[in-house]
C-alpha atoms as a PDB file:
ATOM      1  CA  UNK A   1     -12.455 105.293 127.091  1.00  0.00           C
ATOM      2  CA  UNK A   2     -16.205 105.846 126.777  1.00  0.00           C
ATOM      3  CA  UNK A   3     -17.775 105.045 130.123  1.00  0.00           C
ATOM      4  CA  UNK A   4     -21.270 103.812 129.265  1.00  0.00           C
ATOM      5  CA  UNK A   5     -20.238 101.206 126.648  1.00  0.00           C
ATOM      6  CA  UNK A   6     -17.386 100.045 128.857  1.00  0.00           C
ATOM      7  CA  UNK A   7     -19.712  99.620 131.852  1.00  0.00           C
ATOM      8  CA  UNK A   8     -22.154  97.603 129.765  1.00  0.00           C
ATOM      9  CA  UNK A   9     -19.407  95.392 128.317  1.00  0.00           C
ATOM     10  CA  UNK A  10     -17.766  94.809 131.695  1.00  0.00           C
ATOM     11  CA  UNK A  11     -21.182  93.977 133.161  1.00  0.00           C
ATOM     12  CA  UNK A  12     -21.801  91.436 130.408  1.00  0.00           C
ATOM     13  CA  UNK A  13     -18.375  89.891 130.971  1.00  0.00           C
ATOM     14  CA  UNK A  14     -18.814  89.882 134.768  1.00  0.00           C
ATOM     15  CA  UNK A  15     -21.949  87.795 134.362  1.00  0.00           C
ATOM     16  CA  UNK A  16     -19.776  85.091 132.794  1.00  0.00           C
ATOM     17  CA  UNK A  17     -16.514  85.389 134.719  1.00  0.00           C
ATOM     18  CA  UNK A  18     -16.247  88.283 137.155  1.00  0.00           C
ATOM     19  CA  UNK A  19     -12.746  87.438 138.316  1.00  0.00           C
ATOM     20  CA  UNK A  20     -11.421  87.493 134.754  1.00  0.00           C
ATOM     21  CA  UNK A  21     -12.846  90.994 134.284  1.00  0.00           C
ATOM     22  CA  UNK A  22     -11.144  92.364 137.402  1.00  0.00           C
ATOM     23  CA  UNK A  23      -7.878  90.594 136.557  1.00  0.00           C
ATOM     24  CA  UNK A  24      -7.816  91.722 132.918  1.00  0.00           C
ATOM     25  CA  UNK A  25      -8.723  95.332 133.621  1.00  0.00           C
ATOM     26  CA  UNK A  26      -6.190  95.524 136.433  1.00  0.00           C
ATOM     27  CA  UNK A  27      -3.386  94.019 134.357  1.00  0.00           C
ATOM     28  CA  UNK A  28      -4.213  96.228 131.380  1.00  0.00           C
ATOM     29  CA  UNK A  29      -4.217  99.280 133.634  1.00  0.00           C
ATOM     30  CA  UNK A  30      -0.822  98.428 135.080  1.00  0.00           C
ATOM     31  CA  UNK A  31       0.526  97.812 131.585  1.00  0.00           C
ATOM     32  CA  UNK A  32      -0.668 101.227 130.449  1.00  0.00           C
ATOM     33  CA  UNK A  33      -3.424  99.853 128.231  1.00  0.00           C
ATOM     34  CA  UNK A  34      -6.478 101.957 128.946  1.00  0.00           C
ATOM     35  CA  UNK A  35      -5.685 105.178 130.756  1.00  0.00           C
ATOM     36  CA  UNK A  36      -8.988 105.283 132.616  1.00  0.00           C
ATOM     37  CA  UNK A  37      -8.792 101.872 134.304  1.00  0.00           C
ATOM     38  CA  UNK A  38      -9.564 102.578 137.992  1.00  0.00           C
ATOM     39  CA  UNK A  39      -6.560 102.440 140.289  1.00  0.00           C
ATOM     40  CA  UNK A  40      -8.452 100.210 142.729  1.00  0.00           C
ATOM     41  CA  UNK A  41      -8.421  97.411 140.152  1.00  0.00           C
ATOM     42  CA  UNK A  42      -4.670  97.765 139.655  1.00  0.00           C
ATOM     43  CA  UNK A  43      -3.685  97.195 143.273  1.00  0.00           C
ATOM     44  CA  UNK A  44      -1.397  94.143 143.722  1.00  0.00           C
ATOM     45  CA  UNK A  45      -3.554  92.516 146.391  1.00  0.00           C
ATOM     46  CA  UNK A  46      -6.638  92.841 144.174  1.00  0.00           C
ATOM     47  CA  UNK A  47      -4.813  91.258 141.237  1.00  0.00           C
ATOM     48  CA  UNK A  48      -3.501  88.393 143.382  1.00  0.00           C
ATOM     49  CA  UNK A  49      -6.933  87.559 144.831  1.00  0.00           C
ATOM     50  CA  UNK A  50      -8.625  87.904 141.422  1.00  0.00           C
ATOM     51  CA  UNK A  51      -5.973  85.679 139.850  1.00  0.00           C
ATOM     52  CA  UNK A  52      -6.382  82.938 142.456  1.00  0.00           C
ATOM     53  CA  UNK A  53     -10.169  83.009 142.219  1.00  0.00           C
ATOM     54  CA  UNK A  54      -9.950  82.998 138.434  1.00  0.00           C
ATOM     55  CA  UNK A  55      -7.879  79.796 138.594  1.00  0.00           C
ATOM     56  CA  UNK A  56     -10.458  78.227 140.914  1.00  0.00           C
ATOM     57  CA  UNK A  57     -13.255  79.158 138.534  1.00  0.00           C
ATOM     58  CA  UNK A  58     -11.281  77.900 135.532  1.00  0.00           C
ATOM     59  CA  UNK A  59     -11.209  74.444 137.141  1.00  0.00           C
ATOM     60  CA  UNK A  60     -14.707  74.360 138.661  1.00  0.00           C
ATOM     61  CA  UNK A  61     -16.314  75.681 135.486  1.00  0.00           C
ATOM     62  CA  UNK A  62     -15.180  72.656 133.484  1.00  0.00           C
ATOM     63  CA  UNK A  63     -16.508  69.915 135.768  1.00  0.00           C
ATOM     64  CA  UNK A  64     -20.132  68.830 135.167  1.00  0.00           C
ATOM     65  CA  UNK A  65     -22.495  69.733 138.023  1.00  0.00           C
ATOM     66  CA  UNK A  66     -19.651  71.334 139.973  1.00  0.00           C
ATOM     67  CA  UNK A  67     -20.063  74.266 137.586  1.00  0.00           C
ATOM     68  CA  UNK A  68     -23.771  74.408 138.474  1.00  0.00           C
ATOM     69  CA  UNK A  69     -22.970  74.661 142.187  1.00  0.00           C
ATOM     70  CA  UNK A  70     -20.310  77.274 141.450  1.00  0.00           C
ATOM     71  CA  UNK A  71     -22.781  79.309 139.391  1.00  0.00           C
ATOM     72  CA  UNK A  72     -25.389  79.126 142.137  1.00  0.00           C
ATOM     73  CA  UNK A  73     -22.894  80.411 144.704  1.00  0.00           C
ATOM     74  CA  UNK A  74     -21.968  83.288 142.371  1.00  0.00           C
ATOM     75  CA  UNK A  75     -25.530  84.459 141.775  1.00  0.00           C
ATOM     76  CA  UNK A  76     -24.793  87.396 144.065  1.00  0.00           C
ATOM     77  CA  UNK A  77     -21.048  87.680 143.441  1.00  0.00           C
ATOM     78  CA  UNK A  78     -21.144  88.312 139.688  1.00  0.00           C
ATOM     79  CA  UNK A  79     -23.807  91.056 139.747  1.00  0.00           C
ATOM     80  CA  UNK A  80     -22.048  92.669 142.712  1.00  0.00           C
ATOM     81  CA  UNK A  81     -18.772  92.631 140.810  1.00  0.00           C
ATOM     82  CA  UNK A  82     -20.436  94.072 137.709  1.00  0.00           C
ATOM     83  CA  UNK A  83     -21.926  96.861 139.824  1.00  0.00           C
ATOM     84  CA  UNK A  84     -18.606  97.534 141.546  1.00  0.00           C
ATOM     85  CA  UNK A  85     -16.674  97.771 138.277  1.00  0.00           C
ATOM     86  CA  UNK A  86     -19.384  99.990 136.784  1.00  0.00           C
ATOM     87  CA  UNK A  87     -19.299 102.340 139.764  1.00  0.00           C
ATOM     88  CA  UNK A  88     -15.498 102.493 139.697  1.00  0.00           C
ATOM     89  CA  UNK A  89     -15.482 103.300 135.997  1.00  0.00           C
ATOM     90  CA  UNK A  90     -18.078 106.028 136.538  1.00  0.00           C
ATOM     91  CA  UNK A  91     -16.141 107.528 139.430  1.00  0.00           C
ATOM     92  CA  UNK A  92     -12.975 107.482 137.352  1.00  0.00           C
ATOM     93  CA  UNK A  93     -14.368 109.211 134.277  1.00  0.00           C
ATOM     94  CA  UNK A  94     -17.901 110.513 134.702  1.00  0.00           C
ATOM     95  CA  UNK A  95     -18.032 111.782 138.267  1.00  0.00           C
ATOM     96  CA  UNK A  96     -19.680 110.559 141.434  1.00  0.00           C
ATOM     97  CA  UNK A  97     -23.170 111.564 140.279  1.00  0.00           C
ATOM     98  CA  UNK A  98     -23.140 108.716 137.765  1.00  0.00           C
ATOM     99  CA  UNK A  99     -21.725 106.033 140.046  1.00  0.00           C
ATOM    100  CA  UNK A 100     -25.113 104.727 141.191  1.00  0.00           C
ATOM    101  CA  UNK A 101     -26.595 104.678 137.681  1.00  0.00           C
ATOM    102  CA  UNK A 102     -23.593 103.007 136.100  1.00  0.00           C
ATOM    103  CA  UNK A 103     -23.274 100.616 139.020  1.00  0.00           C
ATOM    104  CA  UNK A 104     -26.908  99.607 138.538  1.00  0.00           C
ATOM    105  CA  UNK A 105     -26.330  99.141 134.810  1.00  0.00           C
ATOM    106  CA  UNK A 106     -23.254  96.984 135.334  1.00  0.00           C
ATOM    107  CA  UNK A 107     -24.935  94.918 138.045  1.00  0.00           C
ATOM    108  CA  UNK A 108     -28.154  94.373 136.087  1.00  0.00           C
ATOM    109  CA  UNK A 109     -26.309  93.382 132.922  1.00  0.00           C
ATOM    110  CA  UNK A 110     -24.138  90.992 134.915  1.00  0.00           C
ATOM    111  CA  UNK A 111     -27.187  89.434 136.577  1.00  0.00           C
ATOM    112  CA  UNK A 112     -28.992  88.837 133.274  1.00  0.00           C
ATOM    113  CA  UNK A 113     -25.886  87.335 131.667  1.00  0.00           C
ATOM    114  CA  UNK A 114     -25.241  85.214 134.750  1.00  0.00           C
ATOM    115  CA  UNK A 115     -28.762  83.772 134.527  1.00  0.00           C
ATOM    116  CA  UNK A 116     -28.223  83.072 130.822  1.00  0.00           C
ATOM    117  CA  UNK A 117     -24.944  81.300 131.560  1.00  0.00           C
ATOM    118  CA  UNK A 118     -26.356  79.298 134.467  1.00  0.00           C
ATOM    119  CA  UNK A 119     -29.372  78.157 132.445  1.00  0.00           C
ATOM    120  CA  UNK A 120     -27.253  77.214 129.448  1.00  0.00           C
ATOM    121  CA  UNK A 121     -24.776  75.260 131.537  1.00  0.00           C
ATOM    122  CA  UNK A 122     -27.583  73.318 133.214  1.00  0.00           C
ATOM    123  CA  UNK A 123     -28.708  72.187 129.774  1.00  0.00           C
ATOM    124  CA  UNK A 124     -25.125  71.349 128.767  1.00  0.00           C
ATOM    125  CA  UNK A 125     -24.807  69.218 131.918  1.00  0.00           C
ATOM    126  CA  UNK A 126     -27.511  66.937 130.565  1.00  0.00           C
ATOM    127  CA  UNK A 127     -24.903  65.685 128.090  1.00  0.00           C
ATOM    128  CA  UNK A 128     -23.346  62.416 129.299  1.00  0.00           C
ATOM    129  CA  UNK A 129     -19.763  63.416 128.402  1.00  0.00           C
ATOM    130  CA  UNK A 130     -17.643  66.172 130.000  1.00  0.00           C
ATOM    131  CA  UNK A 131     -16.117  67.451 126.746  1.00  0.00           C
ATOM    132  CA  UNK A 132     -19.026  69.799 126.065  1.00  0.00           C
ATOM    133  CA  UNK A 133     -18.534  71.492 129.449  1.00  0.00           C
ATOM    134  CA  UNK A 134     -14.849  72.028 128.747  1.00  0.00           C
ATOM    135  CA  UNK A 135     -15.470  73.437 125.274  1.00  0.00           C
ATOM    136  CA  UNK A 136     -18.202  75.805 126.470  1.00  0.00           C
ATOM    137  CA  UNK A 137     -16.091  76.977 129.410  1.00  0.00           C
ATOM    138  CA  UNK A 138     -13.030  77.651 127.245  1.00  0.00           C
ATOM    139  CA  UNK A 139     -15.174  79.520 124.720  1.00  0.00           C
ATOM    140  CA  UNK A 140     -16.648  81.660 127.515  1.00  0.00           C
ATOM    141  CA  UNK A 141     -13.225  82.503 128.956  1.00  0.00           C
ATOM    142  CA  UNK A 142     -11.758  83.393 125.566  1.00  0.00           C
ATOM    143  CA  UNK A 143     -14.815  85.464 124.688  1.00  0.00           C
ATOM    144  CA  UNK A 144     -14.621  87.427 127.934  1.00  0.00           C
ATOM    145  CA  UNK A 145     -10.880  88.062 127.538  1.00  0.00           C
ATOM    146  CA  UNK A 146     -11.175  89.137 123.921  1.00  0.00           C
ATOM    147  CA  UNK A 147     -14.141  91.452 124.432  1.00  0.00           C
ATOM    148  CA  UNK A 148     -12.832  93.131 127.599  1.00  0.00           C
ATOM    149  CA  UNK A 149      -9.480  93.933 125.987  1.00  0.00           C
ATOM    150  CA  UNK A 150     -11.188  94.997 122.761  1.00  0.00           C
ATOM    151  CA  UNK A 151     -13.468  97.305 124.755  1.00  0.00           C
ATOM    152  CA  UNK A 152     -10.462  99.268 125.984  1.00  0.00           C
ATOM    153  CA  UNK A 153      -9.763 100.313 122.391  1.00  0.00           C
ATOM    154  CA  UNK A 154     -13.235 100.287 120.826  1.00  0.00           C
ATOM    155  CA  UNK A 155     -15.816 100.498 123.649  1.00  0.00           C
ATOM    156  CA  UNK A 156     -18.840 101.271 121.461  1.00  0.00           C
ATOM    157  CA  UNK A 157     -18.241  98.351 119.099  1.00  0.00           C
ATOM    158  CA  UNK A 158     -17.535  96.035 122.028  1.00  0.00           C
ATOM    159  CA  UNK A 159     -20.792  97.103 123.702  1.00  0.00           C
ATOM    160  CA  UNK A 160     -22.660  96.362 120.471  1.00  0.00           C
ATOM    161  CA  UNK A 161     -21.136  92.893 120.341  1.00  0.00           C
ATOM    162  CA  UNK A 162     -21.921  92.292 124.019  1.00  0.00           C
ATOM    163  CA  UNK A 163     -25.520  93.425 123.515  1.00  0.00           C
ATOM    164  CA  UNK A 164     -25.929  91.127 120.518  1.00  0.00           C
ATOM    165  CA  UNK A 165     -24.493  88.175 122.421  1.00  0.00           C
ATOM    166  CA  UNK A 166     -26.757  88.944 125.370  1.00  0.00           C
ATOM    167  CA  UNK A 167     -29.876  88.928 123.185  1.00  0.00           C
ATOM    168  CA  UNK A 168     -28.748  85.745 121.425  1.00  0.00           C
ATOM    169  CA  UNK A 169     -28.072  84.142 124.800  1.00  0.00           C
ATOM    170  CA  UNK A 170     -31.541  84.967 126.079  1.00  0.00           C
ATOM    171  CA  UNK A 171     -33.077  83.612 122.871  1.00  0.00           C
ATOM    172  CA  UNK A 172     -31.017  80.430 123.123  1.00  0.00           C
ATOM    173  CA  UNK A 173     -32.101  79.850 126.717  1.00  0.00           C
ATOM    174  CA  UNK A 174     -35.767  80.294 125.784  1.00  0.00           C
ATOM    175  CA  UNK A 175     -35.468  77.800 122.915  1.00  0.00           C
ATOM    176  CA  UNK A 176     -33.503  75.281 124.981  1.00  0.00           C
ATOM    177  CA  UNK A 177     -35.895  75.392 127.917  1.00  0.00           C
ATOM    178  CA  UNK A 178     -38.901  74.988 125.632  1.00  0.00           C
ATOM    179  CA  UNK A 179     -37.295  71.873 124.188  1.00  0.00           C
ATOM    180  CA  UNK A 180     -36.437  70.552 127.632  1.00  0.00           C
ATOM    181  CA  UNK A 181     -40.003  71.115 128.833  1.00  0.00           C
ATOM    182  CA  UNK A 182     -41.369  69.406 125.726  1.00  0.00           C
ATOM    183  CA  UNK A 183     -39.019  66.450 126.273  1.00  0.00           C
ATOM    184  CA  UNK A 184     -40.040  66.124 129.936  1.00  0.00           C
ATOM    185  CA  UNK A 185     -43.703  66.341 128.990  1.00  0.00           C
ATOM    186  CA  UNK A 186     -43.345  63.592 126.381  1.00  0.00           C
ATOM    187  CA  UNK A 187     -41.421  61.406 128.821  1.00  0.00           C
ATOM    188  CA  UNK A 188     -44.144  61.880 131.441  1.00  0.00           C
ATOM    189  CA  UNK A 189     -46.820  60.970 128.902  1.00  0.00           C
ATOM    190  CA  UNK A 190     -44.923  57.821 127.846  1.00  0.00           C
ATOM    191  CA  UNK A 191     -44.486  56.820 131.475  1.00  0.00           C
ATOM    192  CA  UNK A 192     -48.190  57.295 132.138  1.00  0.00           C
ATOM    193  CA  UNK A 193     -49.028  55.244 129.053  1.00  0.00           C
ATOM    194  CA  UNK A 194     -46.761  52.380 130.165  1.00  0.00           C
ATOM    195  CA  UNK A 195     -48.277  52.409 133.631  1.00  0.00           C
ATOM    196  CA  UNK A 196     -51.732  52.360 132.075  1.00  0.00           C
ATOM    197  CA  UNK A 197     -50.885  49.336 129.919  1.00  0.00           C
ATOM    198  CA  UNK A 198     -49.349  47.542 132.904  1.00  0.00           C
ATOM    199  CA  UNK A 199     -52.480  48.132 134.980  1.00  0.00           C
ATOM    200  CA  UNK A 200     -54.896  47.076 132.197  1.00  0.00           C
ATOM    201  CA  UNK A 201     -54.872  43.274 132.869  1.00  0.00           C
ATOM    202  CA  UNK A 202     -55.654  43.838 136.520  1.00  0.00           C
END
């Protein structure tokens, strides 16, 4: 398993669902899939806690506005998890000298992807129906699961996919927020115009 691509991919995935990353890597390690999965992630107590928290996130992530609160709470958790997994992977395969660098890479990637997810979900919450939240959440979970497992076999390709999705996510957030700002500006202008017409007779 190539360390650098795996750290980047796990950081990207941690920014979306950190508990799924820990759970998947731990289960794959115990199943013998991926020889370099750190032993700390395979410990039973770690898997149990990650599994329970993953179930909590699976529910909270599909409820409008609850997902926003959940994301806000995890602004520190997801980057910290990405950094932890990156450092563990570095210590397992590359030596302790790389733990800080790889931990920083995993944490930074997780933070950027977390901000992309949080911004996107805030826009999705503007939809009046909950179906969009459910669809987006399921797509995120499936994407994380597929890419993390794929990275165990083809880390370089998985890192390329994660990097592409990260860039596309940033671009999407920029476009969405520009449209939201334009919509708010137009609504403010219309409101000012109505108030001006209402005040004209006086």
